[in-house]
Amino acid sequence: MKRVIILWIFTFLYFSRSIAQESPTIRINLGGYPSDMPKQALLLSNQAIKKPVLLLKTSSGELVKVFEGTQSQSSWHPFSHYYAFDFSEVSQKGSYYFETKNGKIKSQAFQIGVYPDWQEDVVSFIRTQRCGFNPFTGEFCHQLDGLSFFGLREDSTRIDATGGWHDAGDQLKYLITSSNTTARLLMAYQMDPDGYMDQVNARGLPGPNQLPDILDEAKWGLEWILKLHPSPNELYHQVADDRDHRGFKLPHEENADYGWGSNSFRPAYFATGEPQGLSKYQSQATGIANLAGRSAATLVLGYEVFNQIEGYEVFAQSCLESAHSLYEMGKKQEGYQQGNSFGAPYRYEENTWADDMEWAAAKLYKVTKKPEFLEDARRYGDLIAAWSWMERDSASHYEMYPYVNMGHYALWQVGDAEDKEKMVNYYEQNLQKIQSRAEQNPYGVGHLFIWCSNNLAAAVATQAMLYEEMTGSKKYRPLLQNHVNWLLGLNPWSSSMITEIPENADTPVDVHMPFWKILNKSVKGSLVDGPLWSTIHQQMLGISPSSPDEYAHLQPQHIKYLDDWADYSTNEPTLDGSAELLLILKFLSDE
């Protein structure tokens, strides 16, 4: 019987592949298109079409307009011909679909109009990543985090590193990603302070508490940053390491043993600014300014927000005081701290830091008006200039993180006319690099297909959005929308890259996440890692797909994406990757 089932599966995949390669198919953004944004659909075919035509119809079947496509100069396997259809002129809100002239091929239905408040779902996903008390499971976890290593205190000294968020499908905690996640929550709130729900309390449990849920989550992140900076000369950057990777488990059922038994103490690594590692894999740290600067900037954002809310003024002041001391730590140890690994060669390889110090200096100038901070921001801004992953054809894992230089945006906010022009030019140079790459493929995207490629696609959209705010120019709106399209299903697999978003569409299901594998529960609002260049994917350690690839007939030759829990490199939801969506989703959901 088992052999019959396997034969049936492969027969099904063979005929599915054959049908897909012989028949044209339509790709649209499954989440729809905002009324005032560019709109594009693609027709994919393995035969040339002399006059490619698509009919746009309302959900009731009424013809709106006939659109003629233009052939892309490039194509991706397995389709040889791609035809783009620009229907930006259609702005009437409603439900639509495309079909071919003979009516044999139809697209999925899609909406035109503002996006739903999906940023709220992203906040809800981040909440499920809480450590200490997890509202999704209703259980306490990791109550013994952690024991200090490499620090000013004797090794194995107990410190309080409880709280924070689990990083992804595992239960490690990183200041590298948590600082950026917290900052995005705060910045998204600042975009529209009255535009967020209040449905949970501070513990993340149902029940309003007169604080928007996005700020409950931001405060959770701020509190953990404060814990990792317990004194003016101390900063911890990571709790636990890849010894955690012992299969799927719920947070309160931790099975990792760091030498004190399972579900016990875990190491908390002090930011020394020097290479670290307890085994053969050593980081390449040179300083701590990336973490000190980014954390300082995030704490100033916390001060800005919570100082305006009655009852939180003392908390806000503690954020500002810690921001000052962290900034001083960063100035004394310029350079970058990387993540630590133990038994595997994978770690966060961030190697930029001037952007983080620029961000902190600009934010401190904004709240203090002390000119020395503005001068520092300018100096750091000139150091990093336009340097970004966007300038590269490839990059290591998290090499130039965060993926949007928020320091330039912060300096633009507070600087003079010369500063503003310089920051705009830096952003534009990056976006032009992306634009040049985007013109070389039929989907109009120019991000890199390195590990966590979806984070990069979201970053392009966010930087284009910020550029529009900074200049008033909409020249990069097509680039912005194309990268959003990619994340929401206008891609080779016709699948969104965000769990359960949009509703009633193909989205990641079989994700590398314990809540799915153990509880069979999907969590809405998480961005998965995304497709990888095949040359990288085939070298990733420990990937053995658990079932036949449902997208085998659609896979390009040069990139791969699997909706399979066993593929941690393309199908794992991540904390900071999901937070990368917040600003752009808020922008697209506003009237």
Protein backbone atom coordinates (compact mmCIF):
# COMPACT_ATOMS: atom_id res chain seq x y z
CA MET A 1 0.00 0.00 0.00
CA LYS A 2 2.83 2.39 0.86
CA ARG A 3 4.47 1.81 -2.53
CA VAL A 4 1.14 2.54 -4.25
CA ILE A 5 0.82 5.83 -2.39
CA ILE A 6 4.39 6.84 -3.28
CA LEU A 7 3.78 5.94 -6.93
CA TRP A 8 0.58 8.01 -6.91
CA ILE A 9 2.42 11.00 -5.42
CA PHE A 10 5.15 10.94 -8.04
CA THR A 11 2.60 10.44 -10.82
CA PHE A 12 0.64 13.42 -9.54
CA LEU A 13 3.77 15.56 -9.36
CA TYR A 14 4.81 14.50 -12.87
CA PHE A 15 1.50 15.45 -14.42
CA SER A 16 1.28 18.64 -12.33
CA ARG A 17 4.72 19.61 -13.56
CA SER A 18 3.80 18.83 -17.14
CA ILE A 19 0.56 20.80 -16.97
CA ALA A 20 2.30 23.79 -15.38
CA GLN A 21 5.01 23.83 -17.99
CA GLU A 22 2.64 23.50 -20.93
CA SER A 23 -0.14 25.81 -19.82
CA PRO A 24 0.12 29.55 -19.16
CA THR A 25 -0.50 30.62 -15.59
CA ILE A 26 -1.21 34.00 -14.00
CA ARG A 27 0.61 35.51 -11.04
CA ILE A 28 -0.89 38.28 -8.95
CA ASN A 29 -0.32 39.73 -5.49
CA LEU A 30 -2.56 37.45 -3.42
CA GLY A 31 -2.97 40.21 -0.85
CA GLY A 32 -4.18 42.70 -3.43
CA TYR A 33 -3.08 46.20 -4.34
CA PRO A 34 -3.64 49.53 -2.55
CA SER A 35 -5.71 51.87 -4.71
CA ASP A 36 -3.01 54.48 -5.24
CA MET A 37 -0.06 52.10 -5.71
CA PRO A 38 1.37 50.56 -8.91
CA LYS A 39 -0.32 47.32 -9.97
CA GLN A 40 1.18 44.53 -12.02
CA ALA A 41 0.26 40.97 -12.92
CA LEU A 42 2.34 38.40 -14.80
CA LEU A 43 1.40 35.79 -17.35
CA LEU A 44 3.87 32.88 -17.40
CA SER A 45 4.06 30.58 -20.41
CA ASN A 46 6.30 28.05 -22.10
CA GLN A 47 5.12 29.16 -25.52
CA ALA A 48 5.41 32.56 -27.12
CA ILE A 49 2.13 34.46 -27.21
CA LYS A 50 1.84 36.77 -30.18
CA LYS A 51 -0.59 39.16 -28.56
CA PRO A 52 -0.82 38.50 -24.82
CA VAL A 53 -4.12 39.74 -23.45
CA LEU A 54 -5.77 39.50 -20.04
CA LEU A 55 -9.31 40.53 -19.15
CA LEU A 56 -9.76 42.23 -15.78
CA LYS A 57 -13.18 41.45 -14.32
CA THR A 58 -15.01 42.21 -11.11
CA SER A 59 -15.89 39.37 -8.77
CA SER A 60 -19.36 39.29 -10.38
CA GLY A 61 -17.83 38.71 -13.81
CA GLU A 62 -18.28 42.24 -15.20
CA LEU A 63 -15.52 43.23 -17.62
CA VAL A 64 -13.50 46.21 -16.42
CA LYS A 65 -10.89 46.47 -19.14
CA VAL A 66 -8.79 44.43 -21.53
CA PHE A 67 -5.05 44.76 -20.90
CA GLU A 68 -2.27 43.89 -23.32
CA GLY A 69 0.98 42.59 -21.87
CA THR A 70 4.59 43.40 -22.65
CA GLN A 71 7.16 40.63 -22.83
CA SER A 72 9.93 40.58 -20.25
CA GLN A 73 13.44 40.46 -21.62
CA SER A 74 14.35 37.81 -19.04
CA SER A 75 12.81 34.56 -17.90
CA TRP A 76 13.19 32.06 -15.10
CA HIS A 77 12.91 28.29 -15.37
CA PRO A 78 10.51 26.51 -15.72
CA PHE A 79 8.71 29.10 -17.88
CA SER A 80 10.34 30.56 -20.97
CA HIS A 81 8.07 33.56 -21.54
CA TYR A 82 6.87 36.19 -19.08
CA TYR A 83 4.38 38.93 -19.91
CA ALA A 84 3.77 41.89 -17.60
CA PHE A 85 0.40 43.62 -17.33
CA ASP A 86 0.32 47.08 -15.78
CA PHE A 87 -3.14 47.97 -14.52
CA SER A 88 -2.16 50.81 -12.19
CA GLU A 89 -4.92 52.95 -13.66
CA VAL A 90 -7.54 50.83 -11.89
CA SER A 91 -8.14 52.33 -8.45
CA GLN A 92 -11.76 51.49 -7.67
CA LYS A 93 -11.96 49.45 -4.48
CA GLY A 94 -13.35 45.97 -4.89
CA SER A 95 -12.67 42.33 -5.69
CA TYR A 96 -11.27 41.39 -9.11
CA TYR A 97 -9.70 38.59 -11.11
CA PHE A 98 -7.91 38.17 -14.44
CA GLU A 99 -8.69 35.65 -17.13
CA THR A 100 -7.37 34.89 -20.58
CA LYS A 101 -9.37 35.84 -23.65
CA ASN A 102 -10.68 32.29 -24.12
CA GLY A 103 -11.66 32.11 -20.46
CA LYS A 104 -9.69 28.92 -19.85
CA ILE A 105 -7.19 30.40 -17.40
CA LYS A 106 -8.15 32.55 -14.43
CA SER A 107 -6.19 34.15 -11.65
CA GLN A 108 -7.16 33.94 -8.03
CA ALA A 109 -9.41 36.74 -6.83
CA PHE A 110 -7.65 39.78 -5.38
CA GLN A 111 -8.61 43.04 -3.74
CA ILE A 112 -7.94 46.63 -4.69
CA GLY A 113 -8.01 48.98 -1.71
CA VAL A 114 -6.10 49.58 1.51
CA TYR A 115 -4.56 46.53 3.16
CA PRO A 116 -6.15 45.11 6.30
CA ASP A 117 -4.36 45.85 9.57
CA TRP A 118 -2.01 42.91 9.13
CA GLN A 119 0.60 44.69 11.23
CA GLU A 120 -1.54 43.73 14.22
CA ASP A 121 -1.09 40.07 13.27
CA VAL A 122 2.67 40.60 13.12
CA VAL A 123 2.58 42.04 16.64
CA SER A 124 0.56 39.00 17.74
CA PHE A 125 3.17 36.66 16.28
CA ILE A 126 5.98 38.50 18.07
CA ARG A 127 4.00 38.06 21.29
CA THR A 128 4.07 34.26 20.83
CA GLN A 129 7.88 34.45 20.88
CA ARG A 130 8.01 35.79 24.43
CA CYS A 131 10.39 34.13 26.84
CA GLY A 132 9.92 34.06 30.61
CA PHE A 133 6.15 33.85 30.41
CA ASN A 134 4.74 32.76 27.08
CA PRO A 135 1.11 33.84 26.58
CA PHE A 136 0.64 31.42 23.68
CA THR A 137 1.29 28.36 25.85
CA GLY A 138 0.29 30.00 29.14
CA GLU A 139 3.47 28.59 30.70
CA PHE A 140 6.58 30.03 32.34
CA CYS A 141 9.87 29.13 30.70
CA HIS A 142 13.63 29.71 31.03
CA GLN A 143 13.37 31.08 34.54
CA LEU A 144 17.08 30.46 35.19
CA ASP A 145 18.48 32.66 32.40
CA GLY A 146 21.32 33.11 32.81
CA LEU A 147 24.90 32.61 33.96
CA SER A 148 27.46 35.23 32.91
CA PHE A 149 30.40 34.30 30.68
CA PHE A 150 33.32 36.39 29.35
CA GLY A 151 32.20 39.31 31.48
CA LEU A 152 33.37 41.50 34.34
CA ARG A 153 31.87 39.04 36.80
CA GLU A 154 33.30 35.62 37.49
CA ASP A 155 32.14 33.03 34.95
CA SER A 156 28.91 31.26 35.95
CA THR A 157 27.77 34.22 38.08
CA ARG A 158 23.97 34.43 38.10
CA ILE A 159 22.46 37.47 36.34
CA ASP A 160 18.87 38.23 35.44
CA ALA A 161 18.53 37.71 31.69
CA THR A 162 14.95 36.42 31.84
CA GLY A 163 12.39 37.80 29.44
CA GLY A 164 12.93 38.93 25.88
CA TRP A 165 11.90 36.91 22.84
CA HIS A 166 12.89 33.60 21.35
CA ASP A 167 14.64 34.28 18.09
CA ALA A 168 12.96 31.88 15.65
CA GLY A 169 11.98 28.20 15.68
CA ASP A 170 14.51 27.69 18.48
CA GLN A 171 14.75 29.31 21.90
CA LEU A 172 17.94 31.35 21.71
CA LYS A 173 17.80 35.06 22.54
CA TYR A 174 19.89 37.72 20.81
CA LEU A 175 20.31 41.41 21.46
CA ILE A 176 21.36 41.67 17.80
CA THR A 177 17.82 40.95 16.58
CA SER A 178 15.76 41.91 19.63
CA SER A 179 17.05 45.49 19.64
CA ASN A 180 15.96 45.99 16.03
CA THR A 181 12.63 44.27 16.64
CA THR A 182 11.88 46.59 19.55
CA ALA A 183 12.84 49.63 17.50
CA ARG A 184 10.50 48.63 14.67
CA LEU A 185 7.61 48.23 17.09
CA LEU A 186 8.21 51.72 18.46
CA MET A 187 8.65 53.32 15.04
CA ALA A 188 5.50 51.67 13.74
CA TYR A 189 3.60 53.07 16.71
CA GLN A 190 5.00 56.55 16.05
CA MET A 191 3.64 56.40 12.49
CA ASP A 192 0.08 56.34 13.88
CA PRO A 193 -0.22 56.52 17.68
CA ASP A 194 -4.01 56.22 17.59
CA GLY A 195 -4.11 53.40 15.06
CA TYR A 196 -3.47 50.27 17.13
CA MET A 197 -5.64 47.85 19.07
CA ASP A 198 -5.67 47.24 22.81
CA GLN A 199 -6.79 43.65 23.27
CA VAL A 200 -4.22 42.17 25.64
CA ASN A 201 -2.60 43.16 28.90
CA ALA A 202 1.06 43.51 29.78
CA ARG A 203 1.46 39.73 30.13
CA GLY A 204 0.04 39.26 26.66
CA LEU A 205 -3.17 37.68 27.94
CA PRO A 206 -6.66 38.71 26.75
CA GLY A 207 -7.96 41.93 28.28
CA PRO A 208 -7.23 45.60 27.54
CA ASN A 209 -4.89 47.62 29.76
CA GLN A 210 -5.17 51.12 28.24
CA LEU A 211 -1.93 50.55 26.33
CA PRO A 212 -1.90 49.54 22.67
CA ASP A 213 -0.74 45.96 22.17
CA ILE A 214 2.16 47.13 20.04
CA LEU A 215 3.48 49.09 23.03
CA ASP A 216 2.97 46.17 25.39
CA GLU A 217 5.27 44.26 23.07
CA ALA A 218 7.74 47.12 22.69
CA LYS A 219 7.93 47.50 26.46
CA TRP A 220 8.65 43.77 26.77
CA GLY A 221 11.62 44.29 24.46
CA LEU A 222 12.82 47.45 26.20
CA GLU A 223 12.75 45.75 29.59
CA TRP A 224 14.99 42.97 28.30
CA ILE A 225 17.48 45.45 26.84
CA LEU A 226 17.63 47.18 30.24
CA LYS A 227 18.31 43.83 31.93
CA LEU A 228 21.21 43.12 29.58
CA HIS A 229 22.77 46.46 30.56
CA PRO A 230 22.73 46.10 34.37
CA SER A 231 25.50 48.64 35.01
CA PRO A 232 27.23 51.42 33.02
CA ASN A 233 30.07 49.12 31.90
CA GLU A 234 28.14 45.91 31.27
CA LEU A 235 26.31 44.67 28.20
CA TYR A 236 25.23 41.11 27.46
CA HIS A 237 24.43 40.18 23.88
CA GLN A 238 23.16 36.59 23.76
CA VAL A 239 21.48 33.97 25.92
CA ALA A 240 22.04 30.29 25.00
CA ASP A 241 23.63 28.96 21.81
CA ASP A 242 23.15 26.23 19.24
CA ARG A 243 23.33 23.52 21.90
CA ASP A 244 19.64 24.43 22.06
CA HIS A 245 19.10 22.62 18.74
CA ARG A 246 17.84 19.29 20.08
CA GLY A 247 14.68 18.87 18.05
CA PHE A 248 11.37 20.62 18.51
CA LYS A 249 10.19 21.34 22.04
CA LEU A 250 7.88 23.81 23.71
CA PRO A 251 9.69 26.60 25.57
CA HIS A 252 8.74 25.35 29.04
CA GLU A 253 9.94 21.84 28.12
CA GLU A 254 13.50 22.90 27.33
CA ASN A 255 15.70 19.84 26.84
CA ALA A 256 19.03 21.54 26.17
CA ASP A 257 21.76 20.84 28.73
CA TYR A 258 24.56 23.40 29.08
CA GLY A 259 26.21 21.53 31.91
CA TRP A 260 23.65 22.06 34.66
CA GLY A 261 20.97 19.64 33.48
CA SER A 262 18.10 20.13 31.05
CA ASN A 263 15.68 23.01 31.58
CA SER A 264 18.21 24.68 33.86
CA PHE A 265 20.74 27.51 33.60
CA ARG A 266 21.77 28.87 30.21
CA PRO A 267 24.82 31.01 29.42
CA ALA A 268 24.52 34.77 29.02
CA TYR A 269 27.37 36.06 26.88
CA PHE A 270 28.99 39.38 27.77
CA ALA A 271 29.77 41.74 24.88
CA THR A 272 33.56 41.92 25.06
CA GLY A 273 34.13 43.21 21.54
CA GLU A 274 36.55 40.34 20.97
CA PRO A 275 36.13 36.94 19.27
CA GLN A 276 34.10 34.54 21.38
CA GLY A 277 33.20 30.87 21.32
CA LEU A 278 33.35 27.89 23.64
CA SER A 279 34.16 25.42 20.86
CA LYS A 280 35.97 25.52 17.50
CA TYR A 281 33.62 28.11 15.95
CA GLN A 282 34.76 31.58 16.95
CA SER A 283 33.09 34.88 16.15
CA GLN A 284 35.06 37.71 14.55
CA ALA A 285 34.07 40.52 16.88
CA THR A 286 36.04 43.79 16.88
CA GLY A 287 33.98 45.98 19.23
CA ILE A 288 30.48 46.46 20.61
CA ALA A 289 29.31 49.66 18.91
CA ASN A 290 26.73 47.91 16.72
CA LEU A 291 24.85 46.56 19.73
CA ALA A 292 25.51 49.49 22.05
CA GLY A 293 24.49 52.00 19.40
CA ARG A 294 21.39 50.18 18.19
CA SER A 295 20.24 49.46 21.74
CA ALA A 296 20.81 53.10 22.70
CA ALA A 297 18.77 54.30 19.71
CA THR A 298 15.99 51.87 20.63
CA LEU A 299 15.96 53.06 24.23
CA VAL A 300 15.69 56.68 23.09
CA LEU A 301 12.71 55.67 20.96
CA GLY A 302 11.28 54.10 24.10
CA TYR A 303 11.83 57.35 25.97
CA GLU A 304 10.13 59.38 23.24
CA VAL A 305 7.07 57.15 23.28
CA PHE A 306 6.59 56.31 26.96
CA ASN A 307 7.43 59.77 28.27
CA GLN A 308 4.21 60.94 26.61
CA ILE A 309 2.06 58.33 28.37
CA GLU A 310 0.84 59.08 31.87
CA GLY A 311 2.22 56.65 34.42
CA TYR A 312 5.23 55.59 32.37
CA GLU A 313 7.46 58.63 32.87
CA VAL A 314 9.82 56.89 35.31
CA PHE A 315 10.23 53.96 32.95
CA ALA A 316 10.90 56.37 30.10
CA GLN A 317 13.59 58.13 32.09
CA SER A 318 15.33 54.84 32.87
CA CYS A 319 15.39 54.15 29.12
CA LEU A 320 17.03 57.51 28.43
CA GLU A 321 19.64 57.10 31.17
CA SER A 322 20.62 53.66 29.86
CA ALA A 323 20.75 55.01 26.32
CA HIS A 324 23.39 57.56 27.39
CA SER A 325 25.60 54.97 29.08
CA LEU A 326 25.26 52.50 26.22
CA TYR A 327 26.22 55.19 23.74
CA GLU A 328 29.36 55.92 25.74
CA MET A 329 30.20 52.21 25.75
CA GLY A 330 29.85 52.19 21.98
CA LYS A 331 32.16 55.19 21.57
CA LYS A 332 34.82 53.49 23.68
CA GLN A 333 34.63 50.20 21.75
CA GLU A 334 33.89 51.04 18.14
CA GLY A 335 33.49 47.89 16.09
CA TYR A 336 31.01 45.03 15.93
CA GLN A 337 29.95 42.17 18.18
CA GLN A 338 28.75 39.03 16.40
CA GLY A 339 26.61 36.14 17.54
CA ASN A 340 28.12 33.05 19.17
CA SER A 341 27.82 29.50 17.90
CA PHE A 342 28.98 26.26 19.49
CA GLY A 343 28.59 23.15 17.34
CA ALA A 344 27.67 24.59 13.93
CA PRO A 345 29.29 27.19 11.66
CA TYR A 346 26.18 29.37 11.52
CA ARG A 347 25.99 32.61 13.47
CA TYR A 348 24.89 36.21 13.01
CA GLU A 349 27.84 37.76 11.16
CA GLU A 350 27.04 41.45 11.48
CA ASN A 351 30.14 43.49 10.62
CA THR A 352 28.88 47.08 10.43
CA TRP A 353 28.48 49.45 13.36
CA ALA A 354 28.75 53.11 12.28
CA ASP A 355 25.10 53.11 11.15
CA ASP A 356 24.00 52.05 14.64
CA MET A 357 26.07 54.75 16.32
CA GLU A 358 24.77 57.32 13.84
CA TRP A 359 21.24 56.24 14.75
CA ALA A 360 21.89 56.57 18.47
CA ALA A 361 23.65 59.94 18.13
CA ALA A 362 20.86 61.40 15.99
CA LYS A 363 18.19 60.19 18.41
CA LEU A 364 20.11 61.55 21.43
CA TYR A 365 20.49 64.89 19.68
CA LYS A 366 16.76 64.98 19.03
CA VAL A 367 15.90 64.69 22.72
CA THR A 368 18.82 66.61 24.26
CA LYS A 369 19.68 69.21 21.55
CA LYS A 370 23.34 68.83 22.55
CA PRO A 371 25.42 69.73 19.46
CA GLU A 372 28.06 67.10 20.14
CA PHE A 373 25.53 64.39 19.35
CA LEU A 374 24.73 65.97 16.00
CA GLU A 375 28.42 66.18 15.13
CA ASP A 376 28.85 62.52 16.11
CA ALA A 377 25.88 61.54 13.97
CA ARG A 378 27.40 63.31 10.97
CA ARG A 379 30.76 61.64 11.52
CA TYR A 380 29.26 58.18 11.81
CA GLY A 381 26.95 58.85 8.86
CA ASP A 382 29.94 59.71 6.69
CA LEU A 383 31.73 56.57 7.86
CA ILE A 384 28.97 54.22 6.76
CA ALA A 385 27.86 56.42 3.81
CA ALA A 386 25.96 54.31 1.25
CA TRP A 387 27.53 51.05 2.35
CA SER A 388 24.80 48.42 2.55
CA TRP A 389 24.00 44.90 1.40
CA MET A 390 22.16 46.70 -1.40
CA GLU A 391 25.56 47.62 -2.86
CA ARG A 392 26.64 43.98 -3.00
CA ASP A 393 25.96 40.98 -5.25
CA SER A 394 26.06 38.69 -2.22
CA ALA A 395 26.62 38.87 1.53
CA SER A 396 27.15 36.61 4.52
CA HIS A 397 24.41 35.80 7.01
CA TYR A 398 23.26 39.08 8.64
CA GLU A 399 26.52 40.67 7.50
CA MET A 400 25.24 44.25 7.06
CA TYR A 401 22.45 44.28 9.60
CA PRO A 402 19.98 45.94 10.12
CA TYR A 403 18.94 45.78 6.49
CA VAL A 404 17.78 49.41 6.41
CA ASN A 405 20.16 52.09 7.68
CA MET A 406 17.87 53.81 10.18
CA GLY A 407 20.74 56.08 11.21
CA HIS A 408 20.46 57.95 7.91
CA TYR A 409 16.72 58.35 8.40
CA ALA A 410 17.20 59.61 11.97
CA LEU A 411 19.87 62.11 10.87
CA TRP A 412 17.64 63.30 8.04
CA GLN A 413 14.96 64.01 10.65
CA VAL A 414 17.17 66.27 12.77
CA GLY A 415 19.87 67.54 10.42
CA ASP A 416 20.15 70.71 8.35
CA ALA A 417 19.57 71.02 4.59
CA GLU A 418 23.02 69.67 3.77
CA ASP A 419 22.51 66.67 6.05
CA LYS A 420 19.11 65.98 4.51
CA GLU A 421 20.45 66.06 0.97
CA LYS A 422 23.31 63.73 1.86
CA MET A 423 21.05 61.19 3.57
CA VAL A 424 18.63 61.19 0.64
CA ASN A 425 21.52 60.60 -1.76
CA TYR A 426 22.75 57.63 0.27
CA TYR A 427 19.29 56.05 0.22
CA GLU A 428 18.90 56.75 -3.49
CA GLN A 429 22.25 55.17 -4.36
CA ASN A 430 21.12 51.98 -2.61
CA LEU A 431 17.72 51.96 -4.30
CA GLN A 432 19.27 52.52 -7.71
CA LYS A 433 21.43 49.44 -7.19
CA ILE A 434 18.31 47.45 -6.36
CA GLN A 435 16.50 48.94 -9.34
CA SER A 436 19.30 47.88 -11.70
CA ARG A 437 19.09 44.29 -10.47
CA ALA A 438 15.29 44.36 -10.54
CA GLU A 439 15.33 45.16 -14.23
CA GLN A 440 17.14 41.89 -14.87
CA ASN A 441 14.32 39.55 -13.84
CA PRO A 442 10.63 39.26 -14.72
CA TYR A 443 9.39 39.83 -11.17
CA GLY A 444 10.99 43.25 -10.83
CA VAL A 445 12.78 42.47 -7.55
CA GLY A 446 16.42 43.19 -6.82
CA HIS A 447 17.12 41.79 -3.36
CA LEU A 448 19.68 39.05 -2.73
CA PHE A 449 18.68 35.42 -2.28
CA ILE A 450 20.89 34.80 0.71
CA TRP A 451 19.65 33.25 3.95
CA CYS A 452 16.66 35.29 5.20
CA SER A 453 16.09 36.80 1.75
CA ASN A 454 12.53 37.78 2.64
CA ASN A 455 13.93 40.19 5.25
CA LEU A 456 15.82 41.89 2.42
CA ALA A 457 12.72 42.17 0.23
CA ALA A 458 10.85 43.82 3.11
CA ALA A 459 13.83 46.12 3.70
CA VAL A 460 13.80 47.34 0.10
CA ALA A 461 10.11 48.21 0.39
CA THR A 462 10.71 49.99 3.71
CA GLN A 463 13.66 52.02 2.42
CA ALA A 464 11.66 53.05 -0.65
CA MET A 465 8.82 54.13 1.66
CA LEU A 466 11.20 56.20 3.81
CA TYR A 467 12.77 57.73 0.70
CA GLU A 468 9.31 58.89 -0.37
CA GLU A 469 8.75 60.49 3.04
CA MET A 470 12.15 62.19 2.85
CA THR A 471 11.74 63.55 -0.67
CA GLY A 472 8.05 63.57 -1.54
CA SER A 473 9.01 61.67 -4.71
CA LYS A 474 7.12 58.53 -5.70
CA LYS A 475 9.76 57.38 -8.19
CA TYR A 476 10.47 54.18 -6.27
CA ARG A 477 6.86 53.18 -5.68
CA PRO A 478 7.00 50.48 -8.39
CA LEU A 479 10.11 49.06 -6.72
CA LEU A 480 8.39 49.23 -3.33
CA GLN A 481 5.29 47.48 -4.58
CA ASN A 482 7.18 44.82 -6.54
CA HIS A 483 8.96 43.66 -3.40
CA VAL A 484 5.69 43.61 -1.48
CA ASN A 485 4.16 41.69 -4.38
CA TRP A 486 6.95 39.15 -4.12
CA LEU A 487 6.26 38.58 -0.42
CA LEU A 488 2.51 38.25 -1.03
CA GLY A 489 2.53 35.66 -3.78
CA LEU A 490 3.62 37.30 -7.02
CA ASN A 491 6.56 34.93 -7.15
CA PRO A 492 7.40 31.59 -8.82
CA TRP A 493 5.47 29.55 -6.25
CA SER A 494 2.32 31.71 -6.16
CA SER A 495 2.59 31.55 -2.38
CA SER A 496 2.67 34.28 0.21
CA MET A 497 5.69 34.28 2.49
CA ILE A 498 3.68 35.30 5.58
CA THR A 499 1.78 32.69 7.58
CA GLU A 500 -2.01 32.93 7.07
CA ILE A 501 -1.66 36.28 5.27
CA PRO A 502 -3.60 36.87 3.13
CA GLU A 503 -6.48 34.75 4.30
CA ASN A 504 -7.80 32.07 1.91
CA ALA A 505 -4.59 31.94 -0.12
CA ASP A 506 -1.53 29.73 -0.36
CA THR A 507 0.68 30.67 2.60
CA PRO A 508 3.41 28.87 4.58
CA VAL A 509 1.88 26.05 6.58
CA ASP A 510 4.44 23.33 7.30
CA VAL A 511 6.81 25.74 9.02
CA HIS A 512 9.93 25.09 11.09
CA MET A 513 8.30 26.03 14.37
CA PRO A 514 7.54 23.97 17.51
CA PHE A 515 3.99 25.29 17.83
CA TRP A 516 3.26 23.74 14.44
CA LYS A 517 5.21 20.52 14.84
CA ILE A 518 4.09 19.74 18.39
CA LEU A 519 0.70 21.43 18.77
CA ASN A 520 -0.31 21.48 15.09
CA LYS A 521 -1.12 25.17 15.54
CA SER A 522 -0.28 27.80 12.97
CA VAL A 523 0.52 31.32 14.12
CA LYS A 524 -0.64 34.11 11.83
CA GLY A 525 1.63 37.00 10.89
CA SER A 526 5.14 35.51 10.73
CA LEU A 527 7.51 36.07 7.82
CA VAL A 528 9.46 32.95 6.87
CA ASP A 529 13.11 33.06 5.81
CA GLY A 530 12.37 32.81 2.10
CA PRO A 531 14.05 31.42 -1.02
CA LEU A 532 17.76 30.76 -1.23
CA TRP A 533 20.13 30.62 -4.16
CA SER A 534 20.41 26.95 -5.08
CA THR A 535 24.17 27.07 -4.66
CA ILE A 536 23.68 28.01 -1.01
CA HIS A 537 20.64 25.81 -0.38
CA GLN A 538 22.36 22.61 -1.48
CA GLN A 539 25.21 23.23 0.97
CA MET A 540 23.07 23.87 4.05
CA LEU A 541 23.67 21.29 6.77
CA GLY A 542 20.98 18.97 8.04
CA ILE A 543 18.24 19.64 5.48
CA SER A 544 16.34 16.53 4.44
CA PRO A 545 12.80 17.35 3.20
CA SER A 546 10.10 15.43 4.99
CA SER A 547 7.83 15.02 1.96
CA PRO A 548 7.83 15.51 -1.83
CA ASP A 549 8.17 19.12 -2.87
CA GLU A 550 4.72 20.49 -3.74
CA TYR A 551 6.41 23.26 -5.71
CA ALA A 552 8.77 20.98 -7.66
CA HIS A 553 7.09 21.86 -10.96
CA LEU A 554 7.50 25.58 -10.26
CA GLN A 555 11.02 25.76 -8.85
CA PRO A 556 13.45 28.01 -10.75
CA GLN A 557 16.85 26.47 -11.29
CA HIS A 558 18.76 29.17 -9.43
CA ILE A 559 16.63 29.65 -6.28
CA LYS A 560 14.69 27.25 -4.06
CA TYR A 561 11.84 27.59 -1.57
CA LEU A 562 10.22 24.69 0.29
CA ASP A 563 7.15 24.74 2.51
CA ASP A 564 8.57 21.95 4.62
CA TRP A 565 9.31 22.02 8.34
CA ALA A 566 12.59 20.19 7.70
CA ASP A 567 13.94 23.10 5.65
CA TYR A 568 14.97 25.57 8.35
CA SER A 569 16.77 27.70 5.76
CA THR A 570 13.71 28.78 3.74
CA ASN A 571 10.69 27.94 5.89
CA GLU A 572 11.45 29.14 9.41
CA PRO A 573 9.50 32.09 10.86
CA THR A 574 11.80 34.66 12.45
CA LEU A 575 11.35 37.35 15.07
CA ASP A 576 13.15 40.24 13.41
CA GLY A 577 12.15 39.21 9.89
CA SER A 578 8.52 39.57 10.90
CA ALA A 579 9.24 42.92 12.56
CA GLU A 580 10.78 44.01 9.24
CA LEU A 581 7.21 44.03 7.89
CA LEU A 582 5.77 46.44 10.43
CA LEU A 583 6.50 49.84 8.88
CA ILE A 584 5.58 48.89 5.34
CA LEU A 585 2.37 47.09 6.35
CA LYS A 586 1.33 50.12 8.39
CA PHE A 587 2.04 52.39 5.42
CA LEU A 588 -0.04 50.22 3.07
CA SER A 589 -2.96 49.90 5.50
CA ASP A 590 -3.43 53.64 5.96
CA GLU A 591 -6.13 55.40 3.98
